[in-house]
Every structure is written in structure tokens, then in C-alpha cells.
Amino acid sequence: MTATMEVNGRTCPVAPLSPALGPAPTLLDVLREQVGDMSVKPGCRVGRCGGCMVLLDGQAINACLLPAYRAAGRAVITAAGIDLLPEGAIVREELVQGNAFQCGYCAPGFVIAITALMRETGGHAGRAQIRAAMSGNLCRCTGYASIERAVLRIARRVAAMPAGS
């Protein structure tokens, strides 16, 4: 059974998506292997590291936990397509400007988590809310301080955006 999902604004056919055909591939596997989006990172594969985080219909989820057939007909935004969202472009810019990461393996998951937080709060997020939003993402290089500083700058910029941007 072939189905489609919208990935970063374009319709992508994906197959097989039926759990009746055997073990269902995860959204992570389909995004990497069928769609070719390598910004979605495999890490722990049990939903603890955040490397595979994507926006599914606007909600941040771990793609390693979702059977791909549950994403059929839905909209997925990965870190590779984050500039489609005004908040996402700001997130990417500030993380790069602030040298928030060292190796960068975890960066795509953080980009998604931070973008989801900015969309949810309109940039009106304090340190506790920022830390809570980032708690599902593991970084083994930076110690999070540089990431948090960048997120505070992101929040100021997003809060200053005109309504409806």
C-alpha cells in the first residue's frame, strides 16, 4: 500500500505503510531511507535523545517512536525544511550565530524543539520553559549553556515579530 505525506512542503510517496505487511517502519526510517532527509538523526531509537525530532502537523515528536503509517496524509517538517516557518529561520540563524553547538549531531532535534516552543509561546518563554522544552534533547558536547543563551535571543526576536508572520 503506497501512501503520501507532505515533507517540508512537498508531497512524498512512501511505501509500504501498512502494519499488516509486517513490522511497520518508523517515521524516522521512512524520512531517511525513502524521502532522503538526512537531517533527521537516528540516535537512541527509544525517544530519549531527541535527535530524530520533527514537527508533525505542528507538534514536536520523536520520529523513532511513530510508525510511519500514522503520518500518512499529514504534514512533516524536519530541520532541513525549518526555514519554511518564520520562527524556524530565526532559530537556525541564532543557533549558528551563537555557536551553540560543537559537533552538531543533536542540532536538528534542538532546532525542532526550539521552533515548536517559539510557535507555542510566541517567543514569550522564560528560562524554566526553555529548559523544559529542551529536556527531551541530549547534547554530549556543549553543556547546554550556549544553546540556552541562543534560545533567549531567539525568544526576544520571535516576540518582536509582527502578529501573523
C-alpha atoms as a PDB file:
ATOM      1  CA  MET A   1       0.000   0.000   0.000  1.00  0.00           C
ATOM      2  CA  THR A   2       1.509   3.326  -1.058  1.00  0.00           C
ATOM      3  CA  ALA A   3       0.616   6.488   0.776  1.00  0.00           C
ATOM      4  CA  THR A   4       1.835  10.053   0.776  1.00  0.00           C
ATOM      5  CA  MET A   5       2.848  12.583   3.359  1.00  0.00           C
ATOM      6  CA  GLU A   6       3.861  16.183   2.986  1.00  0.00           C
ATOM      7  CA  VAL A   7       7.502  16.600   3.938  1.00  0.00           C
ATOM      8  CA  ASN A   8       8.869  20.134   4.061  1.00  0.00           C
ATOM      9  CA  GLY A   9       6.125  21.384   1.782  1.00  0.00           C
ATOM     10  CA  ARG A  10       6.327  18.719  -0.901  1.00  0.00           C
ATOM     11  CA  THR A  11       4.244  15.587  -1.340  1.00  0.00           C
ATOM     12  CA  CYS A  12       6.280  12.413  -0.958  1.00  0.00           C
ATOM     13  CA  PRO A  13       5.095   8.902  -1.780  1.00  0.00           C
ATOM     14  CA  VAL A  14       6.119   6.405   0.861  1.00  0.00           C
ATOM     15  CA  ALA A  15       5.619   2.628   0.896  1.00  0.00           C
ATOM     16  CA  PRO A  16       4.867   0.238   2.483  1.00  0.00           C
ATOM     17  CA  LEU A  17       2.959   1.866   5.300  1.00  0.00           C
ATOM     18  CA  SER A  18       0.525  -0.852   6.311  1.00  0.00           C
ATOM     19  CA  PRO A  19       1.282  -2.614   9.603  1.00  0.00           C
ATOM     20  CA  ALA A  20      -0.410  -5.680   8.084  1.00  0.00           C
ATOM     21  CA  LEU A  21       2.627  -6.116   5.801  1.00  0.00           C
ATOM     22  CA  GLY A  22       4.968  -6.833   8.693  1.00  0.00           C
ATOM     23  CA  PRO A  23       6.842  -4.703  11.173  1.00  0.00           C
ATOM     24  CA  ALA A  24       5.930  -1.122  10.427  1.00  0.00           C
ATOM     25  CA  PRO A  25       8.853   1.151   9.598  1.00  0.00           C
ATOM     26  CA  THR A  26       9.155   4.192  11.813  1.00  0.00           C
ATOM     27  CA  LEU A  27       8.741   7.717  10.535  1.00  0.00           C
ATOM     28  CA  LEU A  28      12.478   8.126  11.173  1.00  0.00           C
ATOM     29  CA  ASP A  29      13.284   5.227   8.827  1.00  0.00           C
ATOM     30  CA  VAL A  30      10.921   6.427   6.092  1.00  0.00           C
ATOM     31  CA  LEU A  31      12.213  10.007   6.243  1.00  0.00           C
ATOM     32  CA  ARG A  32      15.824   8.886   5.934  1.00  0.00           C
ATOM     33  CA  GLU A  33      15.512   5.869   3.641  1.00  0.00           C
ATOM     34  CA  GLN A  34      12.605   6.765   1.352  1.00  0.00           C
ATOM     35  CA  VAL A  35      12.451  10.550   1.441  1.00  0.00           C
ATOM     36  CA  GLY A  36      16.224  11.013   1.747  1.00  0.00           C
ATOM     37  CA  ASP A  37      16.108  13.578   4.545  1.00  0.00           C
ATOM     38  CA  MET A  38      19.315  13.057   6.495  1.00  0.00           C
ATOM     39  CA  SER A  39      18.619  15.946   8.869  1.00  0.00           C
ATOM     40  CA  VAL A  40      16.524  13.512  10.920  1.00  0.00           C
ATOM     41  CA  LYS A  41      19.148  11.791  13.065  1.00  0.00           C
ATOM     42  CA  PRO A  42      18.924   8.267  14.458  1.00  0.00           C
ATOM     43  CA  GLY A  43      20.190   8.209  18.000  1.00  0.00           C
ATOM     44  CA  CYS A  44      18.762   6.146  20.797  1.00  0.00           C
ATOM     45  CA  ARG A  45      15.713   4.892  18.840  1.00  0.00           C
ATOM     46  CA  VAL A  46      13.693   4.874  22.077  1.00  0.00           C
ATOM     47  CA  GLY A  47      12.615   8.520  22.239  1.00  0.00           C
ATOM     48  CA  ARG A  48      15.124   9.796  24.776  1.00  0.00           C
ATOM     49  CA  CYS A  49      17.743  11.710  22.807  1.00  0.00           C
ATOM     50  CA  GLY A  50      15.666  13.965  20.520  1.00  0.00           C
ATOM     51  CA  GLY A  51      17.945  13.519  17.512  1.00  0.00           C
ATOM     52  CA  CYS A  52      15.045  12.393  15.342  1.00  0.00           C
ATOM     53  CA  MET A  53      12.601  15.109  16.380  1.00  0.00           C
ATOM     54  CA  VAL A  54      10.294  16.508  13.672  1.00  0.00           C
ATOM     55  CA  LEU A  55       7.170  18.639  13.571  1.00  0.00           C
ATOM     56  CA  LEU A  56       4.134  16.519  12.705  1.00  0.00           C
ATOM     57  CA  ASP A  57       1.168  18.757  11.966  1.00  0.00           C
ATOM     58  CA  GLY A  58       2.973  21.409  14.009  1.00  0.00           C
ATOM     59  CA  GLN A  59       3.689  19.242  17.061  1.00  0.00           C
ATOM     60  CA  ALA A  60       7.217  18.173  18.011  1.00  0.00           C
ATOM     61  CA  ILE A  61       7.505  14.377  18.089  1.00  0.00           C
ATOM     62  CA  ASN A  62      10.271  11.785  18.119  1.00  0.00           C
ATOM     63  CA  ALA A  63      10.146  10.160  14.690  1.00  0.00           C
ATOM     64  CA  CYS A  64      11.735   6.973  16.048  1.00  0.00           C
ATOM     65  CA  LEU A  65       8.599   6.245  18.071  1.00  0.00           C
ATOM     66  CA  LEU A  66       5.938   6.790  15.428  1.00  0.00           C
ATOM     67  CA  PRO A  67       5.022   4.048  12.954  1.00  0.00           C
ATOM     68  CA  ALA A  68       5.251   5.746   9.562  1.00  0.00           C
ATOM     69  CA  TYR A  69       1.726   4.749   8.543  1.00  0.00           C
ATOM     70  CA  ARG A  70       0.428   7.114  11.248  1.00  0.00           C
ATOM     71  CA  ALA A  71       1.982  10.044   9.370  1.00  0.00           C
ATOM     72  CA  ALA A  72       0.232   9.250   6.077  1.00  0.00           C
ATOM     73  CA  GLY A  73      -1.663  12.278   4.789  1.00  0.00           C
ATOM     74  CA  ARG A  74      -0.072  14.547   7.380  1.00  0.00           C
ATOM     75  CA  ALA A  75       2.467  17.386   7.243  1.00  0.00           C
ATOM     76  CA  VAL A  76       6.019  16.789   8.447  1.00  0.00           C
ATOM     77  CA  ILE A  77       8.651  19.476   8.837  1.00  0.00           C
ATOM     78  CA  THR A  78      12.217  18.421   9.507  1.00  0.00           C
ATOM     79  CA  ALA A  79      15.237  20.541  10.354  1.00  0.00           C
ATOM     80  CA  ALA A  80      16.020  20.606   6.620  1.00  0.00           C
ATOM     81  CA  GLY A  81      12.740  22.435   5.990  1.00  0.00           C
ATOM     82  CA  ILE A  82      12.665  24.622   9.070  1.00  0.00           C
ATOM     83  CA  ASP A  83      13.112  27.839   7.062  1.00  0.00           C
ATOM     84  CA  LEU A  84       9.541  27.330   5.810  1.00  0.00           C
ATOM     85  CA  LEU A  85       8.475  28.715   9.196  1.00  0.00           C
ATOM     86  CA  PRO A  86       9.360  32.294  10.179  1.00  0.00           C
ATOM     87  CA  GLU A  87      10.299  31.154  13.688  1.00  0.00           C
ATOM     88  CA  GLY A  88      12.397  28.341  12.269  1.00  0.00           C
ATOM     89  CA  ALA A  89      14.542  30.661  10.218  1.00  0.00           C
ATOM     90  CA  ILE A  90      15.226  32.759  13.329  1.00  0.00           C
ATOM     91  CA  VAL A  91      16.061  29.629  15.336  1.00  0.00           C
ATOM     92  CA  ARG A  92      18.563  28.449  12.737  1.00  0.00           C
ATOM     93  CA  GLU A  93      20.170  31.889  12.390  1.00  0.00           C
ATOM     94  CA  GLU A  94      20.628  32.457  16.115  1.00  0.00           C
ATOM     95  CA  LEU A  95      21.945  28.957  16.825  1.00  0.00           C
ATOM     96  CA  VAL A  96      24.567  29.415  14.103  1.00  0.00           C
ATOM     97  CA  GLN A  97      25.430  32.995  15.170  1.00  0.00           C
ATOM     98  CA  GLY A  98      25.765  31.915  18.791  1.00  0.00           C
ATOM     99  CA  ASN A  99      27.979  28.913  18.002  1.00  0.00           C
ATOM    100  CA  ALA A 100      25.514  26.925  20.069  1.00  0.00           C
ATOM    101  CA  PHE A 101      26.817  23.502  19.046  1.00  0.00           C
ATOM    102  CA  GLN A 102      30.136  21.770  18.659  1.00  0.00           C
ATOM    103  CA  CYS A 103      29.701  18.547  16.667  1.00  0.00           C
ATOM    104  CA  GLY A 104      26.152  19.393  15.559  1.00  0.00           C
ATOM    105  CA  TYR A 105      24.696  15.871  15.630  1.00  0.00           C
ATOM    106  CA  CYS A 106      21.990  16.927  18.083  1.00  0.00           C
ATOM    107  CA  ALA A 107      21.319  20.274  16.365  1.00  0.00           C
ATOM    108  CA  PRO A 108      18.390  19.167  14.155  1.00  0.00           C
ATOM    109  CA  GLY A 109      16.435  17.912  17.169  1.00  0.00           C
ATOM    110  CA  PHE A 110      17.105  21.096  19.115  1.00  0.00           C
ATOM    111  CA  VAL A 111      16.055  23.203  16.114  1.00  0.00           C
ATOM    112  CA  ILE A 112      12.710  21.390  16.040  1.00  0.00           C
ATOM    113  CA  ALA A 113      12.153  21.552  19.823  1.00  0.00           C
ATOM    114  CA  ILE A 114      13.016  25.253  19.989  1.00  0.00           C
ATOM    115  CA  THR A 115      10.895  26.093  16.939  1.00  0.00           C
ATOM    116  CA  ALA A 116       7.930  24.259  18.469  1.00  0.00           C
ATOM    117  CA  LEU A 117       8.381  26.227  21.704  1.00  0.00           C
ATOM    118  CA  MET A 118       8.574  29.549  19.851  1.00  0.00           C
ATOM    119  CA  ARG A 119       5.444  28.738  17.834  1.00  0.00           C
ATOM    120  CA  GLU A 120       3.612  27.721  21.009  1.00  0.00           C
ATOM    121  CA  THR A 121       4.641  30.734  23.109  1.00  0.00           C
ATOM    122  CA  GLY A 122       5.134  33.439  20.508  1.00  0.00           C
ATOM    123  CA  GLY A 123       8.587  33.925  21.996  1.00  0.00           C
ATOM    124  CA  HIS A 124       7.252  34.615  25.477  1.00  0.00           C
ATOM    125  CA  ALA A 125       9.187  31.821  27.170  1.00  0.00           C
ATOM    126  CA  GLY A 126      11.274  32.112  30.307  1.00  0.00           C
ATOM    127  CA  ARG A 127      14.307  30.077  31.285  1.00  0.00           C
ATOM    128  CA  ALA A 128      12.267  27.365  33.017  1.00  0.00           C
ATOM    129  CA  GLN A 129      10.026  26.900  29.999  1.00  0.00           C
ATOM    130  CA  ILE A 130      13.036  26.862  27.670  1.00  0.00           C
ATOM    131  CA  ARG A 131      14.795  24.244  29.784  1.00  0.00           C
ATOM    132  CA  ALA A 132      11.652  22.124  29.893  1.00  0.00           C
ATOM    133  CA  ALA A 133      11.288  22.313  26.100  1.00  0.00           C
ATOM    134  CA  MET A 134      14.914  21.282  25.612  1.00  0.00           C
ATOM    135  CA  SER A 135      14.783  18.482  28.189  1.00  0.00           C
ATOM    136  CA  GLY A 136      13.952  15.884  25.536  1.00  0.00           C
ATOM    137  CA  ASN A 137      17.163  16.599  23.626  1.00  0.00           C
ATOM    138  CA  LEU A 138      20.599  15.344  24.573  1.00  0.00           C
ATOM    139  CA  CYS A 139      23.818  17.127  23.689  1.00  0.00           C
ATOM    140  CA  ARG A 140      27.074  15.489  24.668  1.00  0.00           C
ATOM    141  CA  CYS A 141      29.350  18.365  23.595  1.00  0.00           C
ATOM    142  CA  THR A 142      28.216  21.797  24.754  1.00  0.00           C
ATOM    143  CA  GLY A 143      26.715  21.542  28.208  1.00  0.00           C
ATOM    144  CA  TYR A 144      23.585  23.458  27.068  1.00  0.00           C
ATOM    145  CA  ALA A 145      24.638  26.957  28.238  1.00  0.00           C
ATOM    146  CA  SER A 146      25.411  28.192  24.711  1.00  0.00           C
ATOM    147  CA  ILE A 147      22.163  26.695  23.439  1.00  0.00           C
ATOM    148  CA  GLU A 148      20.145  28.357  26.198  1.00  0.00           C
ATOM    149  CA  ARG A 149      21.761  31.747  25.518  1.00  0.00           C
ATOM    150  CA  ALA A 150      20.833  31.410  21.843  1.00  0.00           C
ATOM    151  CA  VAL A 151      17.252  30.448  22.732  1.00  0.00           C
ATOM    152  CA  LEU A 152      16.885  33.568  24.881  1.00  0.00           C
ATOM    153  CA  ARG A 153      17.947  35.676  21.871  1.00  0.00           C
ATOM    154  CA  ILE A 154      15.546  33.692  19.668  1.00  0.00           C
ATOM    155  CA  ALA A 155      12.693  34.335  22.099  1.00  0.00           C
ATOM    156  CA  ARG A 156      13.326  38.096  22.004  1.00  0.00           C
ATOM    157  CA  ARG A 157      13.314  38.130  18.201  1.00  0.00           C
ATOM    158  CA  VAL A 158      10.207  35.956  17.903  1.00  0.00           C
ATOM    159  CA  ALA A 159       8.341  38.037  20.493  1.00  0.00           C
ATOM    160  CA  ALA A 160       9.151  41.143  18.429  1.00  0.00           C
ATOM    161  CA  MET A 161       7.763  39.645  15.195  1.00  0.00           C
ATOM    162  CA  PRO A 162       4.608  41.263  13.856  1.00  0.00           C
ATOM    163  CA  ALA A 163       1.477  39.257  14.617  1.00  0.00           C
ATOM    164  CA  GLY A 164       0.543  36.779  11.903  1.00  0.00           C
ATOM    165  CA  SER A 165       4.088  36.493  10.487  1.00  0.00           C
END
